[in-house]
PDB file of all heavy atoms in Angstrom:
ATOM      1  N   VAL A   1      10.661 -15.933   6.561  1.00  0.00           N
ATOM      2  CA  VAL A   1       9.208 -15.881   6.754  1.00  0.00           C
ATOM      3  C   VAL A   1       8.862 -14.844   7.817  1.00  0.00           C
ATOM      4  O   VAL A   1       7.905 -14.055   7.650  1.00  0.00           O
ATOM      5  CB  VAL A   1       8.658 -17.269   7.158  1.00  0.00           C
ATOM      6  CG1 VAL A   1       7.150 -17.191   7.390  1.00  0.00           C
ATOM      7  CG2 VAL A   1       8.970 -18.299   6.088  1.00  0.00           C
ATOM      8  N   GLU A   2       9.631 -14.808   8.901  1.00  0.00           N
ATOM      9  CA  GLU A   2       9.385 -13.818   9.958  1.00  0.00           C
ATOM     10  C   GLU A   2       9.503 -12.399   9.404  1.00  0.00           C
ATOM     11  O   GLU A   2       8.690 -11.524   9.722  1.00  0.00           O
ATOM     12  CB  GLU A   2      10.389 -14.013  11.097  1.00  0.00           C
ATOM     13  CG  GLU A   2      10.133 -15.246  11.939  1.00  0.00           C
ATOM     14  CD  GLU A   2      11.223 -15.479  12.967  1.00  0.00           C
ATOM     15  OE1 GLU A   2      12.362 -15.004  12.748  1.00  0.00           O
ATOM     16  OE2 GLU A   2      10.943 -16.140  13.978  1.00  0.00           O
ATOM     17  N   ASP A   3      10.517 -12.178   8.563  1.00  0.00           N
ATOM     18  CA  ASP A   3      10.726 -10.843   7.997  1.00  0.00           C
ATOM     19  C   ASP A   3       9.598 -10.462   7.052  1.00  0.00           C
ATOM     20  O   ASP A   3       9.161  -9.296   7.044  1.00  0.00           O
ATOM     21  CB  ASP A   3      12.067 -10.800   7.267  1.00  0.00           C
ATOM     22  CG  ASP A   3      12.342  -9.424   6.683  1.00  0.00           C
ATOM     23  OD1 ASP A   3      12.542  -8.483   7.469  1.00  0.00           O
ATOM     24  OD2 ASP A   3      12.345  -9.290   5.437  1.00  0.00           O
ATOM     25  N   VAL A   4       9.123 -11.419   6.257  1.00  0.00           N
ATOM     26  CA  VAL A   4       8.013 -11.146   5.335  1.00  0.00           C
ATOM     27  C   VAL A   4       6.782 -10.707   6.127  1.00  0.00           C
ATOM     28  O   VAL A   4       6.111  -9.725   5.771  1.00  0.00           O
ATOM     29  CB  VAL A   4       7.683 -12.388   4.480  1.00  0.00           C
ATOM     30  CG1 VAL A   4       6.334 -12.219   3.775  1.00  0.00           C
ATOM     31  CG2 VAL A   4       8.776 -12.630   3.450  1.00  0.00           C
ATOM     32  N   ILE A   5       6.492 -11.417   7.200  1.00  0.00           N
ATOM     33  CA  ILE A   5       5.320 -11.073   8.013  1.00  0.00           C
ATOM     34  C   ILE A   5       5.512  -9.712   8.685  1.00  0.00           C
ATOM     35  O   ILE A   5       4.626  -8.850   8.645  1.00  0.00           O
ATOM     36  CB  ILE A   5       5.048 -12.164   9.059  1.00  0.00           C
ATOM     37  CG1 ILE A   5       4.655 -13.480   8.358  1.00  0.00           C
ATOM     38  CG2 ILE A   5       3.953 -11.727  10.032  1.00  0.00           C
ATOM     39  CD1 ILE A   5       4.565 -14.669   9.287  1.00  0.00           C
ATOM     40  N   ALA A   6       6.681  -9.518   9.289  1.00  0.00           N
ATOM     41  CA  ALA A   6       6.932  -8.282  10.028  1.00  0.00           C
ATOM     42  C   ALA A   6       6.929  -7.049   9.128  1.00  0.00           C
ATOM     43  O   ALA A   6       6.469  -5.973   9.538  1.00  0.00           O
ATOM     44  CB  ALA A   6       8.269  -8.381  10.760  1.00  0.00           C
ATOM     45  N   SER A   7       7.419  -7.189   7.894  1.00  0.00           N
ATOM     46  CA  SER A   7       7.545  -6.035   7.004  1.00  0.00           C
ATOM     47  C   SER A   7       6.339  -5.821   6.094  1.00  0.00           C
ATOM     48  O   SER A   7       6.268  -4.802   5.407  1.00  0.00           O
ATOM     49  CB  SER A   7       8.812  -6.171   6.149  1.00  0.00           C
ATOM     50  OG  SER A   7       8.775  -7.348   5.368  1.00  0.00           O
ATOM     51  N   ASN A   8       5.397  -6.758   6.093  1.00  0.00           N
ATOM     52  CA  ASN A   8       4.254  -6.638   5.186  1.00  0.00           C
ATOM     53  C   ASN A   8       2.897  -6.630   5.879  1.00  0.00           C
ATOM     54  O   ASN A   8       1.865  -6.487   5.213  1.00  0.00           O
ATOM     55  CB  ASN A   8       4.282  -7.758   4.148  1.00  0.00           C
ATOM     56  CG  ASN A   8       5.423  -7.604   3.161  1.00  0.00           C
ATOM     57  OD1 ASN A   8       5.342  -6.850   2.195  1.00  0.00           O
ATOM     58  ND2 ASN A   8       6.519  -8.311   3.407  1.00  0.00           N
ATOM     59  N   VAL A   9       2.890  -6.806   7.185  1.00  0.00           N
ATOM     60  CA  VAL A   9       1.654  -6.682   7.960  1.00  0.00           C
ATOM     61  C   VAL A   9       1.783  -5.429   8.814  1.00  0.00           C
ATOM     62  O   VAL A   9       2.709  -5.315   9.625  1.00  0.00           O
ATOM     63  CB  VAL A   9       1.410  -7.909   8.859  1.00  0.00           C
ATOM     64  CG1 VAL A   9       0.164  -7.683   9.731  1.00  0.00           C
ATOM     65  CG2 VAL A   9       1.231  -9.166   8.014  1.00  0.00           C
ATOM     66  N   ASN A  10       0.881  -4.491   8.582  1.00  0.00           N
ATOM     67  CA  ASN A  10       0.951  -3.218   9.284  1.00  0.00           C
ATOM     68  C   ASN A  10       0.474  -3.365  10.727  1.00  0.00           C
ATOM     69  O   ASN A  10      -0.657  -3.791  10.966  1.00  0.00           O
ATOM     70  CB  ASN A  10       0.109  -2.170   8.575  1.00  0.00           C
ATOM     71  CG  ASN A  10       0.388  -0.767   9.087  1.00  0.00           C
ATOM     72  OD1 ASN A  10       1.092  -0.569  10.067  1.00  0.00           O
ATOM     73  ND2 ASN A  10      -0.169   0.214   8.409  1.00  0.00           N
ATOM     74  N   ARG A  11       1.363  -3.026  11.634  1.00  0.00           N
ATOM     75  CA  ARG A  11       1.314  -3.245  13.077  1.00  0.00           C
ATOM     76  C   ARG A  11       1.692  -4.693  13.368  1.00  0.00           C
ATOM     77  O   ARG A  11       1.090  -5.624  12.835  1.00  0.00           O
ATOM     78  CB  ARG A  11      -0.052  -2.906  13.690  1.00  0.00           C
ATOM     79  CG  ARG A  11      -0.238  -1.408  13.844  1.00  0.00           C
ATOM     80  CD  ARG A  11      -1.372  -1.100  14.782  1.00  0.00           C
ATOM     81  NE  ARG A  11      -2.670  -1.370  14.212  1.00  0.00           N
ATOM     82  CZ  ARG A  11      -3.804  -1.162  14.864  1.00  0.00           C
ATOM     83  NH1 ARG A  11      -3.787  -0.705  16.107  1.00  0.00           N
ATOM     84  NH2 ARG A  11      -4.944  -1.428  14.285  1.00  0.00           N
ATOM     85  N   GLN A  12       2.687  -4.836  14.172  1.00  0.00           N
ATOM     86  CA  GLN A  12       3.177  -6.156  14.530  1.00  0.00           C
ATOM     87  C   GLN A  12       2.086  -6.959  15.239  1.00  0.00           C
ATOM     88  O   GLN A  12       1.269  -6.399  15.979  1.00  0.00           O
ATOM     89  CB  GLN A  12       4.406  -6.036  15.445  1.00  0.00           C
ATOM     90  CG  GLN A  12       5.569  -5.296  14.804  1.00  0.00           C
ATOM     91  CD  GLN A  12       6.125  -6.049  13.606  1.00  0.00           C
ATOM     92  OE1 GLN A  12       6.577  -7.176  13.739  1.00  0.00           O
ATOM     93  NE2 GLN A  12       6.092  -5.412  12.445  1.00  0.00           N
ATOM     94  N   ILE A  13       2.087  -8.255  15.009  1.00  0.00           N
ATOM     95  CA  ILE A  13       1.118  -9.143  15.665  1.00  0.00           C
ATOM     96  C   ILE A  13       1.780  -9.717  16.907  1.00  0.00           C
ATOM     97  O   ILE A  13       2.683 -10.565  16.802  1.00  0.00           O
ATOM     98  CB  ILE A  13       0.673 -10.277  14.732  1.00  0.00           C
ATOM     99  CG1 ILE A  13       0.044  -9.690  13.461  1.00  0.00           C
ATOM    100  CG2 ILE A  13      -0.309 -11.206  15.442  1.00  0.00           C
ATOM    101  CD1 ILE A  13      -0.250 -10.717  12.390  1.00  0.00           C
ATOM    102  N   PRO A  14       1.388  -9.283  18.094  1.00  0.00           N
ATOM    103  CA  PRO A  14       2.041  -9.781  19.311  1.00  0.00           C
ATOM    104  C   PRO A  14       1.762 -11.259  19.537  1.00  0.00           C
ATOM    105  O   PRO A  14       0.637 -11.725  19.380  1.00  0.00           O
ATOM    106  CB  PRO A  14       1.414  -8.929  20.421  1.00  0.00           C
ATOM    107  CG  PRO A  14       0.108  -8.449  19.857  1.00  0.00           C
ATOM    108  CD  PRO A  14       0.326  -8.308  18.379  1.00  0.00           C
ATOM    109  N   GLY A  15       2.823 -12.002  19.881  1.00  0.00           N
ATOM    110  CA  GLY A  15       2.656 -13.410  20.211  1.00  0.00           C
ATOM    111  C   GLY A  15       2.736 -14.360  19.036  1.00  0.00           C
ATOM    112  O   GLY A  15       2.623 -15.575  19.223  1.00  0.00           O
ATOM    113  N   LEU A  16       2.921 -13.854  17.814  1.00  0.00           N
ATOM    114  CA  LEU A  16       3.044 -14.741  16.654  1.00  0.00           C
ATOM    115  C   LEU A  16       4.346 -15.533  16.750  1.00  0.00           C
ATOM    116  O   LEU A  16       5.402 -14.973  17.035  1.00  0.00           O
ATOM    117  CB  LEU A  16       3.004 -13.925  15.367  1.00  0.00           C
ATOM    118  CG  LEU A  16       3.022 -14.722  14.048  1.00  0.00           C
ATOM    119  CD1 LEU A  16       2.191 -14.000  12.987  1.00  0.00           C
ATOM    120  CD2 LEU A  16       4.434 -14.936  13.529  1.00  0.00           C
ATOM    121  N   VAL A  17       4.256 -16.846  16.498  1.00  0.00           N
ATOM    122  CA  VAL A  17       5.427 -17.727  16.614  1.00  0.00           C
ATOM    123  C   VAL A  17       5.478 -18.645  15.388  1.00  0.00           C
ATOM    124  O   VAL A  17       4.449 -19.158  14.935  1.00  0.00           O
ATOM    125  CB  VAL A  17       5.369 -18.580  17.890  1.00  0.00           C
ATOM    126  CG1 VAL A  17       6.597 -19.493  17.978  1.00  0.00           C
ATOM    127  CG2 VAL A  17       5.275 -17.701  19.133  1.00  0.00           C
ATOM    128  N   ILE A  18       6.686 -18.847  14.871  1.00  0.00           N
ATOM    129  CA  ILE A  18       6.893 -19.783  13.762  1.00  0.00           C
ATOM    130  C   ILE A  18       7.706 -20.966  14.264  1.00  0.00           C
ATOM    131  O   ILE A  18       8.806 -20.792  14.796  1.00  0.00           O
ATOM    132  CB  ILE A  18       7.630 -19.109  12.588  1.00  0.00           C
ATOM    133  CG1 ILE A  18       6.805 -17.929  12.060  1.00  0.00           C
ATOM    134  CG2 ILE A  18       7.889 -20.123  11.469  1.00  0.00           C
ATOM    135  CD1 ILE A  18       7.508 -17.137  10.980  1.00  0.00           C
ATOM    136  N   HIS A  19       7.146 -22.178  14.092  1.00  0.00           N
ATOM    137  CA  HIS A  19       7.826 -23.403  14.501  1.00  0.00           C
ATOM    138  C   HIS A  19       8.323 -24.145  13.263  1.00  0.00           C
ATOM    139  O   HIS A  19       7.511 -24.634  12.478  1.00  0.00           O
ATOM    140  CB  HIS A  19       6.881 -24.316  15.295  1.00  0.00           C
ATOM    141  CG  HIS A  19       6.435 -23.742  16.594  1.00  0.00           C
ATOM    142  ND1 HIS A  19       7.122 -23.941  17.775  1.00  0.00           N
ATOM    143  CD2 HIS A  19       5.365 -22.978  16.907  1.00  0.00           C
ATOM    144  CE1 HIS A  19       6.495 -23.316  18.750  1.00  0.00           C
ATOM    145  NE2 HIS A  19       5.431 -22.724  18.258  1.00  0.00           N
ATOM    146  N   PRO A  20       9.637 -24.240  13.066  1.00  0.00           N
ATOM    147  CA  PRO A  20      10.141 -25.013  11.933  1.00  0.00           C
ATOM    148  C   PRO A  20      10.220 -26.498  12.268  1.00  0.00           C
ATOM    149  O   PRO A  20      10.631 -26.873  13.373  1.00  0.00           O
ATOM    150  CB  PRO A  20      11.538 -24.431  11.706  1.00  0.00           C
ATOM    151  CG  PRO A  20      11.962 -23.952  13.048  1.00  0.00           C
ATOM    152  CD  PRO A  20      10.714 -23.552  13.792  1.00  0.00           C
ATOM    153  N   ILE A  21       9.774 -27.333  11.345  1.00  0.00           N
ATOM    154  CA  ILE A  21       9.935 -28.785  11.464  1.00  0.00           C
ATOM    155  C   ILE A  21      10.887 -29.210  10.355  1.00  0.00           C
ATOM    156  O   ILE A  21      10.583 -29.024   9.173  1.00  0.00           O
ATOM    157  CB  ILE A  21       8.593 -29.522  11.325  1.00  0.00           C
ATOM    158  CG1 ILE A  21       7.621 -29.068  12.412  1.00  0.00           C
ATOM    159  CG2 ILE A  21       8.799 -31.044  11.390  1.00  0.00           C
ATOM    160  CD1 ILE A  21       6.219 -29.639  12.252  1.00  0.00           C
ATOM    161  N   ARG A  22      12.055 -29.757  10.724  1.00  0.00           N
ATOM    162  CA  ARG A  22      13.062 -30.126   9.739  1.00  0.00           C
ATOM    163  C   ARG A  22      12.900 -31.593   9.363  1.00  0.00           C
ATOM    164  O   ARG A  22      12.942 -32.469  10.225  1.00  0.00           O
ATOM    165  CB  ARG A  22      14.469 -29.893  10.302  1.00  0.00           C
ATOM    166  CG  ARG A  22      14.711 -28.489  10.849  1.00  0.00           C
ATOM    167  CD  ARG A  22      14.541 -27.406   9.811  1.00  0.00           C
ATOM    168  NE  ARG A  22      14.926 -26.094  10.340  1.00  0.00           N
ATOM    169  CZ  ARG A  22      14.719 -24.948   9.711  1.00  0.00           C
ATOM    170  NH1 ARG A  22      14.129 -24.944   8.523  1.00  0.00           N
ATOM    171  NH2 ARG A  22      15.100 -23.808  10.247  1.00  0.00           N
ATOM    172  N   LEU A  23      12.750 -31.837   8.061  1.00  0.00           N
ATOM    173  CA  LEU A  23      12.657 -33.211   7.590  1.00  0.00           C
ATOM    174  C   LEU A  23      14.028 -33.853   7.503  1.00  0.00           C
ATOM    175  O   LEU A  23      14.164 -35.069   7.592  1.00  0.00           O
ATOM    176  CB  LEU A  23      11.954 -33.272   6.234  1.00  0.00           C
ATOM    177  CG  LEU A  23      10.423 -33.279   6.272  1.00  0.00           C
ATOM    178  CD1 LEU A  23       9.871 -32.000   6.860  1.00  0.00           C
ATOM    179  CD2 LEU A  23       9.843 -33.518   4.898  1.00  0.00           C
ATOM    180  N   ASN A  24      15.050 -33.031   7.290  1.00  0.00           N
ATOM    181  CA  ASN A  24      16.436 -33.498   7.350  1.00  0.00           C
ATOM    182  C   ASN A  24      17.326 -32.304   7.633  1.00  0.00           C
ATOM    183  O   ASN A  24      16.907 -31.148   7.505  1.00  0.00           O
ATOM    184  CB  ASN A  24      16.863 -34.210   6.058  1.00  0.00           C
ATOM    185  CG  ASN A  24      16.853 -33.284   4.863  1.00  0.00           C
ATOM    186  OD1 ASN A  24      17.617 -32.320   4.809  1.00  0.00           O
ATOM    187  ND2 ASN A  24      15.964 -33.559   3.895  1.00  0.00           N
ATOM    188  N   LEU A  25      18.554 -32.564   8.043  1.00  0.00           N
ATOM    189  CA  LEU A  25      19.470 -31.504   8.428  1.00  0.00           C
ATOM    190  C   LEU A  25      20.513 -31.218   7.356  1.00  0.00           C
ATOM    191  O   LEU A  25      21.426 -30.428   7.573  1.00  0.00           O
ATOM    192  CB  LEU A  25      20.159 -31.869   9.749  1.00  0.00           C
ATOM    193  CG  LEU A  25      19.224 -32.049  10.945  1.00  0.00           C
ATOM    194  CD1 LEU A  25      20.015 -32.452  12.182  1.00  0.00           C
ATOM    195  CD2 LEU A  25      18.431 -30.775  11.224  1.00  0.00           C
TER     196      LEU A  25
END
């Protein structure tokens, strides 16, 4: 997901954070 955002949004968005919530491991 990080790569999709970084490679498809022109100019990086400073401060963007992705928090994963795992339902199981």
